[in-house]
N, C-alpha and C. Protein backbone atom coordinates (compact mmCIF):
# COMPACT_ATOMS: atom_id res chain seq x y z
N MET A 1 23.84 2.00 -29.62
CA MET A 1 22.85 3.01 -29.82
C MET A 1 21.57 2.45 -30.45
N ALA A 2 21.71 1.56 -31.35
CA ALA A 2 20.55 0.94 -31.97
C ALA A 2 19.74 0.17 -30.94
N ASN A 3 20.45 -0.40 -29.98
CA ASN A 3 19.79 -1.15 -28.93
C ASN A 3 18.95 -0.24 -28.04
N SER A 4 19.45 0.94 -27.73
CA SER A 4 18.70 1.89 -26.89
C SER A 4 17.50 2.46 -27.63
N ASN A 5 17.59 2.62 -28.96
CA ASN A 5 16.45 3.10 -29.75
C ASN A 5 15.33 2.08 -29.75
N ARG A 6 15.70 0.80 -29.82
CA ARG A 6 14.69 -0.26 -29.79
C ARG A 6 13.95 -0.24 -28.45
N ARG A 7 14.69 -0.05 -27.37
CA ARG A 7 14.07 -0.01 -26.05
C ARG A 7 13.12 1.19 -25.92
N SER A 8 13.50 2.33 -26.42
CA SER A 8 12.64 3.50 -26.31
C SER A 8 11.38 3.35 -27.18
N VAL A 9 11.52 2.71 -28.34
CA VAL A 9 10.35 2.46 -29.20
C VAL A 9 9.44 1.45 -28.50
N ARG A 10 10.04 0.41 -27.91
CA ARG A 10 9.25 -0.60 -27.19
C ARG A 10 8.55 0.03 -25.99
N ASN A 11 9.24 0.86 -25.25
CA ASN A 11 8.64 1.55 -24.11
C ASN A 11 7.54 2.51 -24.56
N GLY A 12 7.75 3.17 -25.68
CA GLY A 12 6.74 4.08 -26.23
C GLY A 12 5.50 3.32 -26.63
N ASN A 13 5.67 2.14 -27.25
CA ASN A 13 4.51 1.32 -27.64
C ASN A 13 3.76 0.83 -26.41
N ARG A 14 4.48 0.40 -25.37
CA ARG A 14 3.84 -0.05 -24.14
C ARG A 14 3.07 1.10 -23.49
N SER A 15 3.67 2.25 -23.47
CA SER A 15 3.03 3.42 -22.88
C SER A 15 1.75 3.77 -23.64
N PHE A 16 1.81 3.72 -24.97
CA PHE A 16 0.64 4.03 -25.79
C PHE A 16 -0.46 3.00 -25.55
N ILE A 17 -0.11 1.73 -25.52
CA ILE A 17 -1.10 0.67 -25.31
C ILE A 17 -1.69 0.78 -23.91
N LEU A 18 -0.89 1.06 -22.92
CA LEU A 18 -1.37 1.23 -21.55
C LEU A 18 -2.33 2.43 -21.46
N THR A 19 -1.97 3.53 -22.07
CA THR A 19 -2.83 4.72 -22.09
C THR A 19 -4.15 4.43 -22.79
N LEU A 20 -4.07 3.74 -23.90
CA LEU A 20 -5.27 3.38 -24.65
C LEU A 20 -6.17 2.47 -23.82
N ALA A 21 -5.58 1.50 -23.13
CA ALA A 21 -6.35 0.59 -22.28
C ALA A 21 -7.00 1.35 -21.13
N LEU A 22 -6.28 2.28 -20.52
CA LEU A 22 -6.84 3.07 -19.42
C LEU A 22 -8.02 3.92 -19.89
N PHE A 23 -7.89 4.52 -21.08
CA PHE A 23 -9.00 5.31 -21.62
C PHE A 23 -10.20 4.43 -21.93
N ALA A 24 -9.96 3.22 -22.43
CA ALA A 24 -11.06 2.30 -22.72
C ALA A 24 -11.78 1.91 -21.43
N ILE A 25 -11.03 1.62 -20.39
CA ILE A 25 -11.63 1.25 -19.10
C ILE A 25 -12.40 2.43 -18.52
N LEU A 26 -11.81 3.60 -18.58
CA LEU A 26 -12.47 4.81 -18.08
C LEU A 26 -13.76 5.07 -18.85
N GLY A 27 -13.72 4.92 -20.17
CA GLY A 27 -14.92 5.11 -20.99
C GLY A 27 -16.01 4.13 -20.63
N TYR A 28 -15.62 2.88 -20.38
CA TYR A 28 -16.60 1.86 -19.98
C TYR A 28 -17.28 2.25 -18.68
N PHE A 29 -16.50 2.69 -17.71
CA PHE A 29 -17.08 3.07 -16.42
C PHE A 29 -17.98 4.30 -16.54
N VAL A 30 -17.61 5.26 -17.34
CA VAL A 30 -18.44 6.45 -17.53
C VAL A 30 -19.78 6.06 -18.16
N ILE A 31 -19.73 5.21 -19.18
CA ILE A 31 -20.96 4.76 -19.84
C ILE A 31 -21.81 3.95 -18.87
N SER A 32 -21.18 3.11 -18.06
CA SER A 32 -21.92 2.31 -17.08
C SER A 32 -22.62 3.19 -16.06
N VAL A 33 -21.94 4.20 -15.56
CA VAL A 33 -22.53 5.10 -14.57
C VAL A 33 -23.69 5.88 -15.19
N ALA A 34 -23.52 6.35 -16.42
CA ALA A 34 -24.59 7.09 -17.09
C ALA A 34 -25.81 6.18 -17.29
N SER A 35 -25.59 4.95 -17.67
CA SER A 35 -26.68 4.00 -17.87
C SER A 35 -27.40 3.74 -16.55
N LEU A 36 -26.66 3.58 -15.48
CA LEU A 36 -27.27 3.35 -14.17
C LEU A 36 -28.08 4.56 -13.71
N GLN A 37 -27.58 5.75 -13.96
CA GLN A 37 -28.32 6.96 -13.60
C GLN A 37 -29.64 7.03 -14.35
N TYR A 38 -29.62 6.68 -15.62
CA TYR A 38 -30.85 6.67 -16.42
C TYR A 38 -31.84 5.65 -15.86
N GLN A 39 -31.36 4.45 -15.53
CA GLN A 39 -32.22 3.41 -14.97
C GLN A 39 -32.80 3.85 -13.62
N ILE A 40 -32.00 4.51 -12.81
CA ILE A 40 -32.49 5.00 -11.52
C ILE A 40 -33.60 6.02 -11.74
N GLY A 41 -33.42 6.91 -12.70
CA GLY A 41 -34.46 7.90 -13.01
C GLY A 41 -35.75 7.25 -13.45
N GLU A 42 -35.66 6.23 -14.29
CA GLU A 42 -36.85 5.53 -14.76
C GLU A 42 -37.55 4.81 -13.61
N LYS A 43 -36.80 4.16 -12.76
CA LYS A 43 -37.38 3.45 -11.62
C LYS A 43 -38.01 4.43 -10.63
N THR A 44 -37.41 5.60 -10.48
CA THR A 44 -37.98 6.63 -9.60
C THR A 44 -39.35 7.07 -10.12
N LYS A 45 -39.45 7.24 -11.44
CA LYS A 45 -40.74 7.62 -12.03
C LYS A 45 -41.77 6.51 -11.80
N GLU A 46 -41.36 5.26 -11.94
CA GLU A 46 -42.27 4.15 -11.71
C GLU A 46 -42.75 4.12 -10.26
N VAL A 47 -41.85 4.38 -9.34
CA VAL A 47 -42.21 4.38 -7.92
C VAL A 47 -43.20 5.50 -7.64
N GLU A 48 -42.96 6.68 -8.20
CA GLU A 48 -43.87 7.80 -7.98
C GLU A 48 -45.27 7.50 -8.53
N ALA A 49 -45.32 6.88 -9.71
CA ALA A 49 -46.62 6.51 -10.29
C ALA A 49 -47.33 5.48 -9.42
N ALA A 50 -46.58 4.51 -8.92
CA ALA A 50 -47.17 3.49 -8.05
C ALA A 50 -47.66 4.11 -6.74
N GLN A 51 -46.92 5.09 -6.21
CA GLN A 51 -47.35 5.75 -4.98
C GLN A 51 -48.63 6.54 -5.20
N GLN A 52 -48.75 7.18 -6.36
CA GLN A 52 -49.97 7.91 -6.66
C GLN A 52 -51.16 6.96 -6.79
N THR A 53 -50.94 5.83 -7.43
CA THR A 53 -52.00 4.83 -7.57
C THR A 53 -52.41 4.30 -6.20
N LEU A 54 -51.42 4.04 -5.36
CA LEU A 54 -51.70 3.57 -4.00
C LEU A 54 -52.49 4.59 -3.21
N ALA A 55 -52.09 5.85 -3.29
CA ALA A 55 -52.79 6.91 -2.55
C ALA A 55 -54.23 7.03 -3.03
N SER A 56 -54.45 6.92 -4.33
CA SER A 56 -55.80 6.98 -4.88
C SER A 56 -56.64 5.81 -4.39
N ALA A 57 -56.06 4.62 -4.40
CA ALA A 57 -56.79 3.43 -3.94
C ALA A 57 -57.09 3.52 -2.45
N GLN A 58 -56.14 4.04 -1.68
CA GLN A 58 -56.38 4.18 -0.24
C GLN A 58 -57.48 5.19 0.03
N ALA A 59 -57.51 6.29 -0.72
CA ALA A 59 -58.55 7.30 -0.53
C ALA A 59 -59.92 6.71 -0.88
N GLU A 60 -59.98 5.96 -1.96
CA GLU A 60 -61.24 5.33 -2.35
C GLU A 60 -61.68 4.31 -1.29
N ASN A 61 -60.73 3.57 -0.77
CA ASN A 61 -61.02 2.58 0.26
C ASN A 61 -61.58 3.26 1.52
N GLU A 62 -60.96 4.36 1.93
CA GLU A 62 -61.44 5.09 3.10
C GLU A 62 -62.84 5.64 2.86
N GLU A 63 -63.08 6.12 1.64
CA GLU A 63 -64.40 6.65 1.31
C GLU A 63 -65.46 5.55 1.40
N LEU A 64 -65.12 4.39 0.89
CA LEU A 64 -66.08 3.27 0.95
C LEU A 64 -66.29 2.80 2.39
N LYS A 65 -65.25 2.78 3.19
CA LYS A 65 -65.40 2.41 4.60
C LYS A 65 -66.31 3.40 5.32
N GLU A 66 -66.09 4.69 5.06
CA GLU A 66 -66.91 5.72 5.68
C GLU A 66 -68.36 5.60 5.24
N LEU A 67 -68.57 5.35 3.98
CA LEU A 67 -69.91 5.17 3.44
C LEU A 67 -70.60 3.98 4.10
N ALA A 68 -69.88 2.90 4.26
CA ALA A 68 -70.46 1.71 4.88
C ALA A 68 -70.77 1.95 6.35
N ARG A 69 -69.97 2.74 7.02
CA ARG A 69 -70.20 3.02 8.43
C ARG A 69 -71.40 3.93 8.65
N GLU A 70 -71.57 4.91 7.79
CA GLU A 70 -72.58 5.94 8.01
C GLU A 70 -73.99 5.51 7.60
N GLU A 71 -74.10 4.73 6.57
CA GLU A 71 -75.42 4.44 6.02
C GLU A 71 -75.86 3.01 6.35
N ASP A 72 -77.15 2.86 6.44
CA ASP A 72 -77.66 1.50 6.63
C ASP A 72 -77.64 0.76 5.30
N GLU A 73 -77.96 -0.50 5.34
CA GLU A 73 -77.82 -1.34 4.14
C GLU A 73 -78.74 -0.89 3.01
N LYS A 74 -79.97 -0.51 3.32
CA LYS A 74 -80.91 -0.10 2.27
C LYS A 74 -80.41 1.15 1.55
N THR A 75 -79.97 2.13 2.31
CA THR A 75 -79.46 3.37 1.72
C THR A 75 -78.20 3.10 0.90
N TYR A 76 -77.36 2.23 1.41
CA TYR A 76 -76.13 1.88 0.69
C TYR A 76 -76.46 1.21 -0.64
N MET A 77 -77.37 0.27 -0.63
CA MET A 77 -77.76 -0.43 -1.86
C MET A 77 -78.39 0.54 -2.86
N GLU A 78 -79.19 1.48 -2.35
CA GLU A 78 -79.81 2.47 -3.24
C GLU A 78 -78.74 3.34 -3.89
N ARG A 79 -77.76 3.74 -3.12
CA ARG A 79 -76.69 4.57 -3.66
C ARG A 79 -75.89 3.81 -4.73
N ILE A 80 -75.59 2.56 -4.47
CA ILE A 80 -74.86 1.75 -5.45
C ILE A 80 -75.69 1.60 -6.73
N ALA A 81 -76.99 1.35 -6.57
CA ALA A 81 -77.86 1.20 -7.73
C ALA A 81 -77.90 2.47 -8.55
N ARG A 82 -77.93 3.61 -7.90
CA ARG A 82 -77.96 4.88 -8.62
C ARG A 82 -76.61 5.23 -9.25
N ASP A 83 -75.55 5.20 -8.43
CA ASP A 83 -74.25 5.68 -8.88
C ASP A 83 -73.56 4.71 -9.84
N VAL A 84 -73.63 3.44 -9.54
CA VAL A 84 -72.88 2.46 -10.33
C VAL A 84 -73.70 1.91 -11.49
N LEU A 85 -74.94 1.54 -11.20
CA LEU A 85 -75.76 0.88 -12.21
C LEU A 85 -76.65 1.83 -13.00
N GLY A 86 -76.80 3.07 -12.51
CA GLY A 86 -77.59 4.06 -13.24
C GLY A 86 -79.10 3.90 -13.07
N TYR A 87 -79.57 3.18 -12.04
CA TYR A 87 -80.99 2.99 -11.82
C TYR A 87 -81.62 4.26 -11.25
N VAL A 88 -82.94 4.41 -11.50
CA VAL A 88 -83.70 5.52 -10.94
C VAL A 88 -85.01 4.98 -10.37
N LEU A 89 -85.63 5.77 -9.50
CA LEU A 89 -86.93 5.39 -8.94
C LEU A 89 -88.02 5.65 -9.97
N PRO A 90 -89.13 4.96 -9.89
CA PRO A 90 -90.24 5.21 -10.83
C PRO A 90 -90.71 6.65 -10.74
N GLY A 91 -90.90 7.27 -11.88
CA GLY A 91 -91.37 8.64 -11.94
C GLY A 91 -90.27 9.68 -11.72
N GLU A 92 -89.06 9.24 -11.51
CA GLU A 92 -87.96 10.16 -11.25
C GLU A 92 -87.27 10.52 -12.57
N SER A 93 -86.91 11.78 -12.74
CA SER A 93 -86.18 12.22 -13.93
C SER A 93 -84.75 12.56 -13.55
N VAL A 94 -83.83 12.11 -14.37
CA VAL A 94 -82.42 12.37 -14.11
C VAL A 94 -81.89 13.25 -15.24
N TYR A 95 -81.18 14.29 -14.87
CA TYR A 95 -80.60 15.20 -15.83
C TYR A 95 -79.07 15.13 -15.72
N TYR A 96 -78.41 15.08 -16.86
CA TYR A 96 -76.94 15.02 -16.88
C TYR A 96 -76.41 16.32 -17.46
N ASP A 97 -75.43 16.89 -16.83
CA ASP A 97 -74.78 18.09 -17.31
C ASP A 97 -73.72 17.68 -18.32
N VAL A 98 -73.94 18.01 -19.59
CA VAL A 98 -73.00 17.63 -20.63
C VAL A 98 -72.22 18.82 -21.16
N SER A 99 -72.30 19.93 -20.45
CA SER A 99 -71.58 21.11 -20.90
C SER A 99 -70.07 20.86 -20.78
N THR A 100 -69.30 21.50 -21.64
CA THR A 100 -67.86 21.30 -21.64
C THR A 100 -67.14 22.27 -20.74
N GLY A 101 -67.82 23.27 -20.25
CA GLY A 101 -67.19 24.28 -19.37
C GLY A 101 -67.00 23.73 -17.98
N ASN A 102 -66.24 24.49 -17.19
CA ASN A 102 -66.00 24.07 -15.80
C ASN A 102 -67.23 24.32 -15.01
């Protein structure tokens, strides 16, 4: 009888250790999946931001192509001087709207 009690205690310890190991492995996999889901979400946000930047750059590129096609060189240079460099013609007054409303 003492021999059978030892076997049941040994089997009980093995069962407990096996259960504990299975829970540890399961916990590891759950944490790994959650971490991967978080990383996927972050990368998705990065992709969306990059797509918005790309769309903005493409729109600006198309606008510049259209501008170059429609205007001759003198008109194009005048527009760049006005819009980018802030130049004005002699005797010309420029007014800026600094109101905060729409």
